[in-house]
C-alpha cells in the first residue's frame, strides 16, 4: 500500500463491502505542484496532466522572450522571487517543485524546494552547470580528456590586442539560454561584429544575466581563479564530430541515463535541424558516453534531479568531449522517449520531485520505432511563412494524433533581434513518431506540404 492509501473500516448499512469489515481504499490525493517558468512543451504537458486530473499545477514565473511578460525583467530579483513564493506556499500541501526552464527555472526550483523542505537539486550544482566558465574549470578537474581549451572575456574586451585563444573558436555567453549569441567566429572582424550591441541590447542582456550573477556571487563567491562575471562570454576551441544529447536523472545519488539522441544541424550552420531518437551511434560509443556522463554529473555534486548533457563524438579520433550540462529536463525531447520507449517523462519528473523512484512508474505502450523533433527556421532575415491554419491543425490532429506542433512565429523587432542573436529564426517545432526512419521522413514531408512550409532538411 502506498503512503497515500488509507484502509477505512465502516460498520453501517449501505457501505457495501465495508459493512462486512472489508477495507476501502481512498484514492491518493491529487498532488499539487508549483510549475516554474512553464513555457512551450512543458506548459502543454502540465496543462494536459491537469485536464486529466493527474495533478494540480500552480504556474509561477513569466515568459522571458515575449512582451509584455518580459518587462518584469526590469525589476526581477531572484532571491526576492523565491522569498515571495516561499511565503505564498508555506503551509500548503505542495508535493513538488517542478521546472524544465533553463534561464531562471532550474535555480529557482532548487532554492524554493530547499526552503520548503522538499526534495531538490543542490543549488551549488545548478550554478556549476550554468556558469559556463566555472563549468569548464570543474570539467577540467573531473574529466580532462573530455574538456576543451577556453578563454573568458568581457564584452568590453580590446579586440585589437592579443586574444586568449587562437581563432577560429566557438563563442557563447557565460550564462545564456536557447543558444543566444552562440556562434563560430573565424576572424577578428566577425568577433567585433558579434560584440557590437546597441545600448538597449546591452541592457536586455544584463537584465537576463543579473539574477544569476547575484546568485553565483552569493552562493559560491568569486575566488581569484573563478572570477569571471556571468555577463562575460566564453570562447572555446572548436570541437567536431557527431553531436549527441543524453537525458537522465539522479535518484538518491544513482545516476541514470534515459537515452541518447542525435542532434543534427542545418548544413553549414550551428542551428539545430532535428533531434532524432534512438541515436545511430554504435552501442559501444553510447555506453562510453553514459559512463562519462555519470562521472561528470557526480563530480559536479549533482545528486538529485533531471539533467541533460550534450557531447561531441569524433569518430576519427574516437573521442568524446562534453559541450555542456543543463540541470533540468529537456522538455522538447521528453515525448520522444514516450513514443519509442513508453517512458512518461513528465510523470517521472513529478515522481522524482516528490522524492520517489521514477523507475517504478509503469510504462505506456510504445507507439513508434523512431521519433524526432523537427525544427523549422529561416536564415535570410525575412518573416517566416504564415502560421498553420485551424483547418491544417485539425487535419494534423486527425492524421497524426500523437504529433506535437508548437509555433514560435515572430515579427518586427523581436524577429530582427532573434536573427542578430541567433543567426536564424526558429518559427516552429514538430515532434513526430513513426515505425522507422524512412516512414518518419515521409510523414514529415506530408505535413510540410499540408502546412505550406518547406521541408526541414
Protein backbone atom coordinates (compact mmCIF):
# COMPACT_ATOMS: atom_id res chain seq x y z
CA UNK A 1 0.00 0.00 0.00
CA UNK A 2 1.35 3.43 -0.92
CA UNK A 3 1.85 6.12 1.75
CA UNK A 4 -1.24 7.97 0.42
CA UNK A 5 -3.57 4.97 0.71
CA UNK A 6 -5.74 4.53 3.78
CA UNK A 7 -7.72 1.47 4.98
CA UNK A 8 -11.06 2.51 6.43
CA UNK A 9 -13.34 0.01 8.17
CA UNK A 10 -17.03 1.01 8.23
CA UNK A 11 -19.83 -0.86 10.00
CA UNK A 12 -23.03 0.87 8.98
CA UNK A 13 -25.51 -0.38 6.40
CA UNK A 14 -25.15 0.84 2.84
CA UNK A 15 -21.38 0.86 2.90
CA UNK A 16 -21.08 -2.12 0.56
CA UNK A 17 -18.10 -4.30 1.31
CA UNK A 18 -17.04 -2.10 4.20
CA UNK A 19 -20.20 -3.13 6.09
CA UNK A 20 -18.64 -6.58 6.24
CA UNK A 21 -15.45 -5.14 7.71
CA UNK A 22 -13.53 -5.09 4.39
CA UNK A 23 -11.14 -2.17 3.86
CA UNK A 24 -12.00 0.65 1.49
CA UNK A 25 -9.15 2.29 -0.45
CA UNK A 26 -9.20 6.07 -0.50
CA UNK A 27 -7.84 7.40 -3.77
CA UNK A 28 -4.44 9.08 -3.37
CA UNK A 29 -4.67 12.85 -3.15
CA UNK A 30 -4.01 14.63 -6.44
CA UNK A 31 -0.57 16.22 -5.99
CA UNK A 32 -0.29 19.99 -6.06
CA UNK A 33 2.90 21.14 -7.75
CA UNK A 34 4.48 24.53 -8.33
CA UNK A 35 5.49 24.66 -12.01
CA UNK A 36 8.14 27.36 -12.53
CA UNK A 37 8.52 29.33 -15.76
CA UNK A 38 6.34 26.88 -17.74
CA UNK A 39 6.82 27.50 -21.46
CA UNK A 40 6.26 25.59 -24.69
CA UNK A 41 6.29 21.81 -24.38
CA UNK A 42 6.46 21.95 -20.58
CA UNK A 43 3.38 24.14 -20.18
CA UNK A 44 1.44 21.92 -22.61
CA UNK A 45 2.46 18.84 -20.58
CA UNK A 46 1.36 20.34 -17.26
CA UNK A 47 -1.94 21.52 -18.72
CA UNK A 48 -2.59 18.09 -20.24
CA UNK A 49 -2.00 16.39 -16.89
CA UNK A 50 -4.16 18.93 -15.10
CA UNK A 51 -7.03 18.28 -17.52
CA UNK A 52 -6.63 14.54 -16.91
CA UNK A 53 -6.88 15.10 -13.15
CA UNK A 54 -3.35 13.82 -12.54
CA UNK A 55 -2.09 16.92 -10.74
CA UNK A 56 -2.92 20.49 -9.77
CA UNK A 57 -0.30 22.90 -11.17
CA UNK A 58 0.37 26.36 -9.76
CA UNK A 59 2.13 28.31 -12.52
CA UNK A 60 4.74 30.84 -11.41
CA UNK A 61 7.16 32.91 -13.47
CA UNK A 62 6.97 34.68 -16.81
CA UNK A 63 7.99 34.41 -20.46
CA UNK A 64 11.45 35.94 -20.78
CA UNK A 65 11.16 36.50 -24.53
CA UNK A 66 7.60 37.77 -25.01
CA UNK A 67 6.22 41.25 -24.37
CA UNK A 68 4.72 42.37 -22.01
CA UNK A 69 5.80 39.46 -19.76
CA UNK A 70 9.47 40.18 -20.21
CA UNK A 71 9.02 43.70 -18.86
CA UNK A 72 9.20 42.03 -15.44
CA UNK A 73 12.92 41.63 -16.06
CA UNK A 74 13.34 45.33 -15.23
CA UNK A 75 12.78 44.70 -11.54
CA UNK A 76 13.31 40.94 -11.22
CA UNK A 77 15.34 39.76 -8.25
CA UNK A 78 15.79 36.02 -7.89
CA UNK A 79 16.04 35.95 -4.09
CA UNK A 80 13.01 38.20 -3.58
CA UNK A 81 11.08 36.00 -6.02
CA UNK A 82 12.00 32.88 -4.04
CA UNK A 83 11.10 34.63 -0.77
CA UNK A 84 7.67 35.58 -2.10
CA UNK A 85 6.92 32.06 -3.32
CA UNK A 86 8.18 30.52 -0.07
CA UNK A 87 5.77 32.72 1.91
CA UNK A 88 2.92 32.05 -0.54
CA UNK A 89 3.22 28.25 -0.41
CA UNK A 90 4.36 27.76 3.19
CA UNK A 91 1.83 25.58 4.98
CA UNK A 92 0.20 24.50 1.71
CA UNK A 93 0.14 20.83 0.72
CA UNK A 94 2.65 21.31 -2.08
CA UNK A 95 4.01 17.95 -3.20
CA UNK A 96 6.77 19.11 -5.52
CA UNK A 97 8.53 21.97 -7.27
CA UNK A 98 8.98 21.26 -11.00
CA UNK A 99 10.52 23.05 -13.94
CA UNK A 100 12.07 22.45 -17.34
CA UNK A 101 13.29 26.04 -17.73
CA UNK A 102 16.99 26.77 -18.04
CA UNK A 103 17.25 30.54 -17.58
CA UNK A 104 15.67 31.04 -14.15
CA UNK A 105 13.62 27.90 -13.55
CA UNK A 106 16.31 25.39 -12.55
CA UNK A 107 17.94 27.61 -9.92
CA UNK A 108 14.62 28.93 -8.60
CA UNK A 109 13.33 25.36 -8.23
CA UNK A 110 16.42 24.32 -6.29
CA UNK A 111 16.22 27.31 -3.93
CA UNK A 112 12.45 27.18 -3.43
CA UNK A 113 12.26 23.41 -2.85
CA UNK A 114 15.08 23.72 -0.33
CA UNK A 115 13.20 26.48 1.50
CA UNK A 116 10.01 24.40 1.59
CA UNK A 117 11.78 21.26 2.75
CA UNK A 118 11.08 19.35 -0.47
CA UNK A 119 13.47 17.16 -2.49
CA UNK A 120 15.71 19.39 -4.56
CA UNK A 121 18.87 19.70 -6.61
CA UNK A 122 21.77 21.26 -4.75
CA UNK A 123 21.79 24.94 -5.83
CA UNK A 124 25.59 24.83 -6.00
CA UNK A 125 25.40 22.02 -8.55
CA UNK A 126 22.95 24.06 -10.64
CA UNK A 127 25.34 27.01 -10.63
CA UNK A 128 28.29 24.76 -11.50
CA UNK A 129 26.42 23.62 -14.62
CA UNK A 130 25.09 27.00 -15.70
CA UNK A 131 28.18 29.20 -15.28
CA UNK A 132 29.97 28.04 -18.42
CA UNK A 133 33.46 29.27 -17.44
CA UNK A 134 33.18 27.81 -13.94
CA UNK A 135 31.86 24.59 -15.51
CA UNK A 136 34.89 24.37 -17.83
CA UNK A 137 37.22 24.68 -14.83
CA UNK A 138 35.35 21.96 -12.97
CA UNK A 139 35.22 19.69 -16.03
CA UNK A 140 38.98 20.03 -16.49
CA UNK A 141 39.36 18.58 -12.98
CA UNK A 142 36.71 15.84 -13.38
CA UNK A 143 37.33 14.63 -16.95
CA UNK A 144 40.24 16.49 -18.57
CA UNK A 145 40.15 14.23 -21.64
CA UNK A 146 36.59 15.39 -22.36
CA UNK A 147 37.20 19.11 -21.90
CA UNK A 148 38.26 21.90 -24.27
CA UNK A 149 40.56 24.89 -24.08
CA UNK A 150 38.66 28.09 -23.27
CA UNK A 151 39.02 31.82 -22.69
CA UNK A 152 36.61 34.06 -20.80
CA UNK A 153 36.32 37.68 -21.97
CA UNK A 154 34.14 40.71 -21.20
CA UNK A 155 32.03 42.46 -23.83
CA UNK A 156 34.45 45.39 -23.47
CA UNK A 157 37.48 43.30 -24.41
CA UNK A 158 40.09 45.06 -26.58
CA UNK A 159 39.69 43.04 -29.76
CA UNK A 160 42.71 44.58 -31.45
CA UNK A 161 45.10 43.24 -28.83
CA UNK A 162 46.15 39.67 -28.06
CA UNK A 163 43.36 37.12 -27.84
CA UNK A 164 43.28 34.47 -25.16
CA UNK A 165 42.53 31.68 -27.65
CA UNK A 166 43.58 31.18 -31.24
CA UNK A 167 40.99 31.75 -33.95
CA UNK A 168 38.80 30.15 -35.12
CA UNK A 169 36.79 29.35 -31.99
CA UNK A 170 33.22 28.97 -30.77
CA UNK A 171 31.90 31.79 -28.59
CA UNK A 172 28.86 31.99 -26.32
CA UNK A 173 27.76 33.86 -23.20
CA UNK A 174 28.97 32.59 -19.83
CA UNK A 175 25.28 32.40 -18.93
CA UNK A 176 22.66 32.18 -21.65
CA UNK A 177 19.79 30.10 -22.96
CA UNK A 178 18.40 28.91 -26.33
CA UNK A 179 21.89 29.29 -27.90
CA UNK A 180 21.53 33.09 -27.76
CA UNK A 181 24.70 34.79 -29.08
CA UNK A 182 26.40 31.42 -29.60
CA UNK A 183 28.31 31.02 -32.86
CA UNK A 184 31.56 30.09 -34.55
CA UNK A 185 33.95 33.00 -35.12
CA UNK A 186 36.69 32.76 -37.73
CA UNK A 187 38.12 36.31 -37.85
CA UNK A 188 38.60 39.36 -35.65
CA UNK A 189 36.14 41.24 -37.84
CA UNK A 190 33.45 38.64 -37.14
CA UNK A 191 34.22 38.84 -33.44
CA UNK A 192 33.90 42.62 -33.46
CA UNK A 193 30.55 42.45 -35.24
CA UNK A 194 29.37 39.78 -32.81
CA UNK A 195 30.13 42.02 -29.81
CA UNK A 196 28.65 45.20 -31.31
CA UNK A 197 25.42 45.87 -29.40
CA UNK A 198 23.10 48.83 -29.20
CA UNK A 199 22.59 50.25 -25.68
CA UNK A 200 19.12 48.67 -25.33
CA UNK A 201 20.54 45.28 -26.31
CA UNK A 202 23.25 45.54 -23.67
CA UNK A 203 20.58 46.42 -21.13
CA UNK A 204 18.46 43.37 -22.05
CA UNK A 205 21.48 41.07 -21.85
CA UNK A 206 22.46 42.50 -18.47
CA UNK A 207 18.97 42.06 -17.03
CA UNK A 208 18.78 38.47 -18.33
CA UNK A 209 22.02 37.58 -16.58
CA UNK A 210 21.99 39.75 -13.43
CA UNK A 211 19.78 37.42 -11.30
CA UNK A 212 22.14 34.53 -12.00
CA UNK A 213 25.19 36.72 -11.33
CA UNK A 214 23.76 37.73 -7.94
CA UNK A 215 23.10 34.10 -7.05
CA UNK A 216 26.57 32.97 -8.11
CA UNK A 217 28.26 35.66 -6.02
CA UNK A 218 26.04 34.96 -3.00
CA UNK A 219 26.25 31.16 -3.03
CA UNK A 220 29.66 30.36 -4.48
CA UNK A 221 31.60 33.61 -4.26
CA UNK A 222 34.38 34.65 -6.60
CA UNK A 223 37.80 33.26 -5.65
CA UNK A 224 40.51 34.50 -7.97
CA UNK A 225 40.57 31.62 -10.42
CA UNK A 226 36.78 31.72 -10.91
CA UNK A 227 36.47 35.49 -11.00
CA UNK A 228 34.56 35.54 -14.28
CA UNK A 229 31.43 37.66 -14.45
CA UNK A 230 28.34 35.93 -15.80
CA UNK A 231 27.91 38.91 -18.17
CA UNK A 232 31.09 37.86 -19.97
CA UNK A 233 31.48 35.49 -22.90
CA UNK A 234 33.46 32.30 -23.16
CA UNK A 235 35.44 31.26 -26.23
CA UNK A 236 36.09 27.54 -26.67
CA UNK A 237 38.32 25.64 -29.04
CA UNK A 238 36.38 24.11 -31.90
CA UNK A 239 35.11 20.58 -31.37
CA UNK A 240 33.94 18.35 -34.19
CA UNK A 241 32.05 15.16 -34.83
CA UNK A 242 28.53 13.88 -34.21
CA UNK A 243 26.65 15.97 -31.66
CA UNK A 244 24.52 13.99 -29.21
CA UNK A 245 22.30 14.65 -26.23
CA UNK A 246 21.96 12.39 -23.18
CA UNK A 247 18.93 12.76 -20.92
CA UNK A 248 18.86 11.36 -17.43
CA UNK A 249 18.21 11.90 -13.76
CA UNK A 250 19.77 11.23 -10.37
CA UNK A 251 17.82 9.42 -7.66
CA UNK A 252 19.46 9.10 -4.24
CA UNK A 253 22.86 9.57 -5.82
CA UNK A 254 22.27 6.97 -8.54
CA UNK A 255 22.91 8.49 -11.99
CA UNK A 256 20.54 7.02 -14.56
CA UNK A 257 20.78 7.85 -18.27
CA UNK A 258 17.43 7.54 -20.07
CA UNK A 259 18.72 7.60 -23.63
CA UNK A 260 20.89 9.13 -26.33
CA UNK A 261 19.52 11.42 -29.05
CA UNK A 262 21.27 12.52 -32.24
CA UNK A 263 21.41 16.30 -32.76
CA UNK A 264 21.56 17.21 -36.44
CA UNK A 265 22.25 20.70 -37.77
CA UNK A 266 21.19 22.64 -40.83
CA UNK A 267 24.08 22.15 -43.30
CA UNK A 268 26.86 24.66 -42.80
CA UNK A 269 25.39 26.07 -39.57
CA UNK A 270 25.29 25.51 -35.80
CA UNK A 271 21.47 25.67 -35.84
CA UNK A 272 19.52 22.57 -34.85
CA UNK A 273 17.63 20.90 -37.71
CA UNK A 274 16.20 17.95 -35.79
CA UNK A 275 16.70 15.74 -32.75
CA UNK A 276 16.28 12.03 -33.55
CA UNK A 277 15.84 9.04 -31.25
CA UNK A 278 17.21 6.39 -30.94
CA UNK A 279 20.75 7.53 -31.74
CA UNK A 280 22.53 5.85 -34.60
CA UNK A 281 25.86 5.82 -32.77
CA UNK A 282 27.36 2.37 -32.15
CA UNK A 283 26.23 0.80 -28.84
CA UNK A 284 29.79 0.77 -27.50
CA UNK A 285 30.17 4.51 -28.02
CA UNK A 286 26.83 5.17 -26.34
CA UNK A 287 27.90 3.12 -23.32
CA UNK A 288 31.12 5.11 -23.04
CA UNK A 289 29.09 8.32 -23.24
CA UNK A 290 26.83 7.07 -20.42
CA UNK A 291 29.83 6.35 -18.25
CA UNK A 292 31.36 9.76 -18.95
CA UNK A 293 28.07 11.48 -18.18
CA UNK A 294 27.77 9.69 -14.84
CA UNK A 295 31.33 10.69 -13.89
CA UNK A 296 30.73 14.34 -14.77
CA UNK A 297 27.37 14.53 -13.01
CA UNK A 298 28.77 13.03 -9.81
CA UNK A 299 31.85 15.25 -10.00
CA UNK A 300 29.67 18.36 -10.14
CA UNK A 301 27.88 17.34 -6.94
CA UNK A 302 24.61 16.82 -8.79
CA UNK A 303 22.84 14.32 -6.53
CA UNK A 304 19.13 14.78 -7.34
CA UNK A 305 17.07 15.86 -10.33
CA UNK A 306 16.84 15.65 -14.11
CA UNK A 307 19.68 16.72 -16.37
CA UNK A 308 20.71 16.65 -20.00
CA UNK A 309 24.27 16.65 -21.24
CA UNK A 310 25.46 17.47 -24.75
CA UNK A 311 28.59 15.93 -26.22
CA UNK A 312 30.59 15.61 -29.41
CA UNK A 313 31.78 12.23 -30.62
CA UNK A 314 34.67 12.48 -33.09
CA UNK A 315 34.84 9.12 -34.91
CA UNK A 316 38.24 9.91 -36.47
CA UNK A 317 39.83 10.33 -33.04
CA UNK A 318 37.33 8.01 -31.30
CA UNK A 319 36.93 10.75 -28.68
CA UNK A 320 34.01 12.06 -26.62
CA UNK A 321 34.01 15.67 -25.44
CA UNK A 322 31.47 17.48 -23.30
CA UNK A 323 29.76 20.59 -24.65
CA UNK A 324 27.65 21.46 -21.62
CA UNK A 325 25.44 20.12 -18.85
CA UNK A 326 21.95 21.54 -18.28
CA UNK A 327 20.48 20.95 -14.80
CA UNK A 328 16.91 20.37 -15.93
CA UNK A 329 14.66 18.24 -18.09
CA UNK A 330 14.92 18.85 -21.85
CA UNK A 331 11.17 19.33 -22.33
CA UNK A 332 11.28 19.43 -26.14
CA UNK A 333 12.68 15.89 -26.21
CA UNK A 334 10.64 14.28 -23.45
CA UNK A 335 7.91 12.77 -25.57
CA UNK A 336 10.41 11.19 -27.99
CA UNK A 337 11.15 8.73 -25.19
CA UNK A 338 7.44 8.22 -24.59
CA UNK A 339 6.79 7.46 -28.26
CA UNK A 340 9.65 4.96 -28.59
CA UNK A 341 10.10 3.57 -25.08
CA UNK A 342 6.78 4.31 -23.38
CA UNK A 343 8.51 6.41 -20.71
CA UNK A 344 6.25 9.05 -19.16
CA UNK A 345 9.00 11.61 -18.65
CA UNK A 346 6.93 14.43 -17.16
CA UNK A 347 5.28 11.99 -14.76
CA UNK A 348 8.76 10.78 -13.85
CA UNK A 349 9.78 14.36 -13.16
CA UNK A 350 6.87 14.78 -10.73
CA UNK A 351 7.73 11.47 -9.02
CA UNK A 352 11.38 12.43 -8.60
CA UNK A 353 10.46 15.91 -7.33
CA UNK A 354 8.47 14.16 -4.59
CA UNK A 355 11.45 12.01 -3.65
CA UNK A 356 10.07 8.85 -5.22
CA UNK A 357 11.80 6.49 -7.64
CA UNK A 358 10.71 7.35 -11.22
CA UNK A 359 11.78 3.90 -12.43
CA UNK A 360 8.82 2.35 -10.60
CA UNK A 361 6.27 4.11 -12.83
CA UNK A 362 4.64 1.72 -15.33
CA UNK A 363 5.47 2.35 -18.97
CA UNK A 364 2.94 3.03 -21.68
CA UNK A 365 2.78 1.04 -24.88
CA UNK A 366 5.31 2.22 -27.46
CA UNK A 367 3.78 3.92 -30.49
CA UNK A 368 6.88 4.29 -32.69
CA UNK A 369 10.19 2.70 -33.55
CA UNK A 370 11.82 6.09 -34.17
CA UNK A 371 10.87 9.66 -33.24
CA UNK A 372 12.20 13.13 -33.98
CA UNK A 373 11.72 16.76 -33.08
CA UNK A 374 11.88 18.74 -36.34
CA UNK A 375 12.78 22.44 -36.29
CA UNK A 376 11.73 24.96 -38.95
CA UNK A 377 13.97 28.01 -39.37
CA UNK A 378 14.56 30.92 -41.68
CA UNK A 379 18.07 32.25 -42.20
CA UNK A 380 17.59 35.18 -44.60
CA UNK A 381 16.10 37.74 -42.20
CA UNK A 382 12.68 37.54 -43.83
CA UNK A 383 9.46 36.80 -41.98
CA UNK A 384 8.55 33.09 -41.78
CA UNK A 385 5.63 31.51 -43.67
CA UNK A 386 2.13 32.12 -42.28
CA UNK A 387 1.02 30.23 -39.19
CA UNK A 388 -0.75 26.90 -39.55
CA UNK A 389 -4.46 27.39 -40.22
CA UNK A 390 -7.13 25.89 -37.98
CA UNK A 391 -8.01 23.51 -40.82
CA UNK A 392 -4.39 22.36 -41.10
CA UNK A 393 -4.17 21.78 -37.35
CA UNK A 394 -7.41 19.79 -37.39
CA UNK A 395 -6.04 17.66 -40.23
CA UNK A 396 -2.79 17.11 -38.31
CA UNK A 397 -4.70 16.01 -35.20
CA UNK A 398 -6.74 13.51 -37.22
CA UNK A 399 -3.93 12.16 -39.40
CA UNK A 400 -1.15 12.12 -36.81
CA UNK A 401 -2.80 12.15 -33.36
CA UNK A 402 0.47 11.83 -31.44
CA UNK A 403 2.17 14.75 -33.26
CA UNK A 404 3.06 17.82 -31.20
CA UNK A 405 3.30 21.13 -33.12
CA UNK A 406 4.44 24.33 -31.41
CA UNK A 407 4.78 27.63 -33.27
CA UNK A 408 7.14 30.45 -32.31
CA UNK A 409 6.48 32.97 -35.09
CA UNK A 410 7.88 36.46 -34.55
CA UNK A 411 7.57 39.74 -36.37
CA UNK A 412 9.09 43.20 -36.17
CA UNK A 413 11.78 43.96 -33.57
CA UNK A 414 11.53 40.51 -31.98
CA UNK A 415 12.27 38.87 -35.33
CA UNK A 416 15.14 41.25 -36.07
CA UNK A 417 16.69 40.67 -32.64
CA UNK A 418 16.41 36.88 -32.98
CA UNK A 419 18.25 36.94 -36.30
CA UNK A 420 21.02 39.03 -34.77
CA UNK A 421 21.33 37.00 -31.58
CA UNK A 422 20.77 33.52 -33.03
CA UNK A 423 21.58 33.86 -36.73
CA UNK A 424 18.20 32.36 -37.63
CA UNK A 425 14.55 32.40 -36.62
CA UNK A 426 13.07 29.19 -35.21
CA UNK A 427 9.41 29.56 -36.09
CA UNK A 428 8.05 26.07 -35.34
CA UNK A 429 8.89 22.65 -33.92
CA UNK A 430 7.17 19.34 -34.57
CA UNK A 431 7.55 16.12 -32.57
CA UNK A 432 6.61 13.07 -34.58
CA UNK A 433 6.99 9.29 -34.38
CA UNK A 434 6.86 6.50 -36.97
CA UNK A 435 7.68 2.84 -37.43
CA UNK A 436 11.08 3.56 -38.99
CA UNK A 437 13.25 6.46 -40.16
CA UNK A 438 12.10 6.27 -43.78
CA UNK A 439 8.43 6.44 -42.82
CA UNK A 440 9.18 9.23 -40.34
CA UNK A 441 10.62 11.47 -43.05
CA UNK A 442 7.80 10.65 -45.45
CA UNK A 443 5.28 11.72 -42.79
CA UNK A 444 7.26 14.89 -42.13
CA UNK A 445 7.25 15.79 -45.82
CA UNK A 446 3.50 15.19 -45.99
CA UNK A 447 2.93 17.53 -43.04
CA UNK A 448 5.15 20.22 -44.59
CA UNK A 449 3.14 20.05 -47.79
CA UNK A 450 -0.15 20.40 -45.91
CA UNK A 451 1.15 23.33 -43.80
CA UNK A 452 2.68 25.04 -46.84
CA UNK A 453 6.09 25.12 -45.13
CA UNK A 454 9.43 23.97 -46.57
CA UNK A 455 10.72 20.54 -45.67
CA UNK A 456 13.19 20.96 -42.82
CA UNK A 457 16.33 19.32 -44.16
